[in-house]
Every structure is written in C-alpha cells, then in structure tokens.
Protein backbone atom coordinates (compact mmCIF):
# COMPACT_ATOMS: atom_id res chain seq x y z
CA UNK A 1 67.67 -41.41 124.41
CA UNK A 2 65.29 -42.32 121.61
CA UNK A 3 65.60 -43.32 117.77
CA UNK A 4 62.77 -43.27 115.00
CA UNK A 5 62.86 -44.35 111.70
CA UNK A 6 60.30 -43.40 109.07
CA UNK A 7 59.53 -45.04 105.94
CA UNK A 8 57.09 -45.44 103.35
CA UNK A 9 57.50 -41.76 101.42
CA UNK A 10 57.19 -42.11 97.72
CA UNK A 11 56.54 -40.72 94.46
CA UNK A 12 52.36 -40.47 93.69
CA UNK A 13 50.30 -38.36 91.79
CA UNK A 14 48.10 -35.98 92.72
CA UNK A 15 44.44 -37.63 94.49
CA UNK A 16 46.27 -40.85 95.73
CA UNK A 17 47.23 -41.74 99.58
CA UNK A 18 50.25 -42.27 101.69
CA UNK A 19 50.68 -44.11 105.13
CA UNK A 20 53.86 -43.14 106.54
CA UNK A 21 55.54 -44.60 109.56
CA UNK A 22 57.82 -43.67 112.13
CA UNK A 23 59.17 -46.67 114.31
CA UNK A 24 60.80 -45.69 117.81
CA UNK A 25 63.54 -47.24 119.88
CA UNK A 26 62.97 -47.86 123.74
CA UNK A 27 60.40 -49.00 126.00
CA UNK A 28 59.22 -45.61 126.80
CA UNK A 29 57.29 -44.70 123.62
CA UNK A 30 54.15 -44.92 125.03
CA UNK A 31 55.19 -42.11 127.45
CA UNK A 32 55.64 -39.91 124.21
CA UNK A 33 53.90 -37.57 122.56
CA UNK A 34 54.53 -37.47 118.99
CA UNK A 35 54.84 -35.03 115.95
CA UNK A 36 55.05 -35.05 111.95
CA UNK A 37 56.95 -32.13 110.48
CA UNK A 38 57.70 -31.50 107.12
CA UNK A 39 60.00 -29.48 104.86
CA UNK A 40 59.77 -28.51 101.19
CA UNK A 41 62.42 -27.54 99.28
CA UNK A 42 64.04 -24.21 99.89
CA UNK A 43 61.08 -23.80 103.03
CA UNK A 44 61.32 -23.11 106.80
CA UNK A 45 60.47 -26.90 108.29
CA UNK A 46 56.48 -26.42 109.72
CA UNK A 47 54.44 -28.35 111.78
CA UNK A 48 51.92 -31.42 110.39
CA UNK A 49 50.33 -33.26 112.99
CA UNK A 50 50.59 -34.07 116.93
CA UNK A 51 49.13 -37.16 118.87
CA UNK A 52 49.19 -37.28 122.50
CA UNK A 53 50.88 -40.37 124.20
CA UNK A 54 47.79 -42.09 124.91
CA UNK A 55 46.65 -41.28 121.45
CA UNK A 56 43.23 -39.64 122.74
CA UNK A 57 44.13 -36.59 121.15
CA UNK A 58 45.50 -35.12 117.90
CA UNK A 59 46.03 -31.98 116.54
CA UNK A 60 46.80 -30.89 112.46
CA UNK A 61 47.87 -28.29 110.68
CA UNK A 62 45.20 -26.70 108.73
CA UNK A 63 46.75 -27.19 105.37
CA UNK A 64 46.19 -30.91 106.13
CA UNK A 65 43.09 -30.95 108.26
CA UNK A 66 40.48 -33.51 106.90
CA UNK A 67 42.88 -35.43 105.10
CA UNK A 68 45.99 -36.42 106.87
CA UNK A 69 45.45 -39.08 110.18
CA UNK A 70 47.85 -39.36 113.05
CA UNK A 71 47.57 -42.37 114.98
CA UNK A 72 50.00 -44.46 116.58
CA UNK A 73 50.08 -47.99 118.05
CA UNK A 74 52.12 -47.97 121.75
CA UNK A 75 52.64 -51.76 121.52
CA UNK A 76 54.01 -51.57 118.13
CA UNK A 77 56.19 -48.28 119.13
CA UNK A 78 54.79 -46.84 115.80
CA UNK A 79 53.68 -43.86 115.05
CA UNK A 80 51.49 -43.40 111.50
CA UNK A 81 50.33 -40.69 109.10
CA UNK A 82 47.92 -41.47 106.76
CA UNK A 83 47.75 -39.15 103.92
CA UNK A 84 44.61 -39.07 101.33
CA UNK A 85 43.73 -36.86 98.83
CA UNK A 86 47.88 -35.81 98.17
CA UNK A 87 48.41 -32.29 96.16
CA UNK A 88 51.62 -31.17 94.74
CA UNK A 89 52.16 -28.84 97.70
CA UNK A 90 52.34 -31.81 100.06
CA UNK A 91 55.91 -32.59 98.49
CA UNK A 92 58.44 -32.66 101.25
CA UNK A 93 60.65 -34.76 103.04
CA UNK A 94 58.39 -35.74 106.51
CA UNK A 95 59.90 -36.52 110.06
CA UNK A 96 58.42 -37.17 112.95
CA UNK A 97 59.63 -36.18 116.49
CA UNK A 98 59.53 -37.38 119.77
CA UNK A 99 57.85 -34.99 122.69
CA UNK A 100 58.64 -36.45 126.11
CA UNK A 101 57.45 -33.75 127.92
CA UNK A 102 54.50 -33.38 126.06
CA UNK A 103 55.56 -30.00 126.31
CA UNK A 104 55.70 -29.06 122.60
CA UNK A 105 58.95 -29.24 122.34
CA UNK A 106 60.47 -31.96 120.25
CA UNK A 107 64.06 -32.95 121.29
CA UNK A 108 64.69 -36.33 119.48
CA UNK A 109 63.59 -36.57 115.25
CA UNK A 110 63.96 -39.23 112.93
CA UNK A 111 66.03 -39.20 109.55
CA UNK A 112 63.47 -38.11 107.49
CA UNK A 113 61.33 -39.99 104.34
CA UNK A 114 60.77 -38.04 101.21
CA UNK A 115 57.12 -37.73 99.82
CA UNK A 116 56.94 -36.00 95.93
CA UNK A 117 53.69 -35.48 94.43
CA UNK A 118 53.35 -35.09 90.79
CA UNK A 119 50.41 -33.22 89.26
C-alpha cells in the first residue's frame, strides 16, 4: 500500500509559476513510476506528466510540454511538478499517482491539490 499526499497548490495569476509536491509513504518509492494528472471542473481527468522510477525518462501531455517539468527525489520519497507560464486553462485539481509496475496503470492516488490560475 502506498499513501500519497500532494501539496503546493494555490491561486496564482497567468504567467506565474507553482511547484507541486507529492510525498509518498513506504520504502519502495524508488521502484515506482509516478504520474501527475489533473481534472478541471466539468471535465474528465487527464494525464499531465510521467516519470520513470529512476527519473531517467519523462513524458508530458502536449498541453504542458515546455512549461511543466516533472522530477523526483527518491531519497525524500517525493515527486515534483514544476509549473511555469501558467495559463487559466491549467486550472484544475492536480493529483499524483503511483505506477508500481511501470505499466501505465496507476492503482494509488493522492487526494489532490487545487491550482487556480486567474487571467
């Protein structure tokens, strides 16, 4: 079982930056691929970014490529999402998720953190 706790959300203006953090419990964090997802009001949850267990490989949704950066610190059991040049359309609840088998399947989810970008 993995417990995930996101933090770092808030209200910012367009063009600002935020860094989200996701702290994971357990001693096997370094074995898990991790992902960030988001869900805007009235929309389905969508993929944002993915990082391999070593941090060597990362993938991004086209909507955030070049603006967001996913990273991890396995010594701290934490994955980050650095968000730059934020846009109003980035407004959503952001969730981190764990992929223990690096298969693209995420059985473990955090509770989410709200990001609101005003124009």
